[in-house]
Amino acid sequence: MKINNVGMAGVNPYNLQANKTGNIKESKVKSSDKVEISSAAKEMQQSSPILAERQAKVDELKIQVEEGNYKLNAQATAKGLIDFYRK
């Protein structure tokens, strides 16, 4: 007696799964995200006076540290850390 696999001829479940994951990867590659920043947001980024002042302070401190003239106030630093973590 000969038994034939009716309905299952030529079906490889591993192959089917590989094809499904391949299709998902292809669809992800085709899609793309796009972000647009408004002109108002661009202006807000460029015209911040706080950033200019902060950069000036950083530059000044950098020069002091490089020259060895920077004096660290340990008490003020410790108080600032304590105040920050007590909030």
Protein backbone atom coordinates (compact mmCIF):
# COMPACT_ATOMS: atom_id res chain seq x y z
CA MET A 1 0.00 0.00 0.00
CA LYS A 2 1.33 3.45 -0.95
CA ILE A 3 0.55 6.53 1.13
CA ASN A 4 0.74 9.95 -0.56
CA ASN A 5 0.80 13.22 1.30
CA VAL A 6 -2.32 14.78 -0.08
CA GLY A 7 -2.33 18.55 0.10
CA MET A 8 1.18 18.84 1.53
CA ALA A 9 3.22 18.23 -1.59
CA GLY A 10 5.95 20.83 -2.09
CA VAL A 11 5.25 22.73 1.13
CA ASN A 12 8.21 23.54 3.31
CA PRO A 13 7.19 25.43 6.47
CA TYR A 14 10.69 26.85 6.95
CA ASN A 15 10.68 28.23 3.44
CA LEU A 16 7.30 29.89 4.01
CA GLN A 17 8.54 31.54 7.20
CA ALA A 18 11.70 32.78 5.48
CA ASN A 19 9.61 34.32 2.71
CA LYS A 20 7.38 36.09 5.23
CA THR A 21 10.34 37.65 7.07
CA GLY A 22 11.93 38.61 3.75
CA ASN A 23 8.78 40.47 2.73
CA ILE A 24 8.68 42.33 6.03
CA LYS A 25 12.29 43.47 5.65
CA GLU A 26 11.64 44.65 2.10
CA SER A 27 8.60 46.65 3.17
CA LYS A 28 10.58 48.32 5.97
CA VAL A 29 13.32 49.31 3.55
CA LYS A 30 10.83 50.92 1.19
CA SER A 31 9.16 53.09 3.84
CA SER A 32 10.88 56.20 5.12
CA ASP A 33 10.20 58.79 7.78
CA LYS A 34 10.37 62.49 7.17
CA VAL A 35 10.68 65.34 9.65
CA GLU A 36 10.23 68.99 8.80
CA ILE A 37 11.19 71.83 11.14
CA SER A 38 9.22 75.02 10.77
CA SER A 39 10.93 78.33 10.09
CA ALA A 40 9.75 79.64 13.47
CA ALA A 41 11.47 76.75 15.23
CA LYS A 42 14.66 77.39 13.26
CA GLU A 43 14.59 81.05 14.32
CA MET A 44 14.11 80.07 17.96
CA GLN A 45 17.15 77.81 17.80
CA GLN A 46 19.43 80.45 16.30
CA SER A 47 18.41 83.59 18.17
CA SER A 48 18.87 82.51 21.78
CA PRO A 49 20.85 85.09 23.79
CA ILE A 50 21.15 82.60 26.64
CA LEU A 51 23.22 80.25 24.47
CA ALA A 52 25.63 83.05 23.57
CA GLU A 53 26.07 84.05 27.23
CA ARG A 54 26.54 80.42 28.26
CA GLN A 55 29.15 79.86 25.56
CA ALA A 56 31.02 82.98 26.70
CA LYS A 57 31.10 81.66 30.29
CA VAL A 58 32.29 78.25 29.14
CA ASP A 59 35.06 79.80 27.06
CA GLU A 60 36.16 81.98 29.97
CA LEU A 61 36.24 79.00 32.36
CA LYS A 62 38.13 76.92 29.81
CA ILE A 63 40.84 79.57 29.53
CA GLN A 64 41.12 79.82 33.33
CA VAL A 65 41.43 76.04 33.71
CA GLU A 66 44.07 75.81 30.96
CA GLU A 67 46.13 78.58 32.55
CA GLY A 68 45.73 77.12 36.04
CA ASN A 69 44.00 80.25 37.42
CA TYR A 70 40.62 78.64 38.14
CA LYS A 71 39.81 78.56 41.83
CA LEU A 72 37.20 76.05 42.90
CA ASN A 73 34.96 77.00 45.80
CA ALA A 74 34.41 73.59 47.39
CA GLN A 75 31.84 74.87 49.92
CA ALA A 76 29.65 76.44 47.23
CA THR A 77 29.90 73.30 45.10
CA ALA A 78 28.89 71.06 48.00
CA LYS A 79 25.99 73.34 48.91
CA GLY A 80 24.79 73.30 45.31
CA LEU A 81 24.90 69.48 45.20
CA ILE A 82 23.01 69.19 48.48
CA ASP A 83 20.37 71.67 47.38
CA PHE A 84 19.93 69.85 44.08
CA TYR A 85 19.38 66.43 45.66
CA ARG A 86 17.10 67.70 48.44
CA LYS A 87 14.48 68.90 45.95
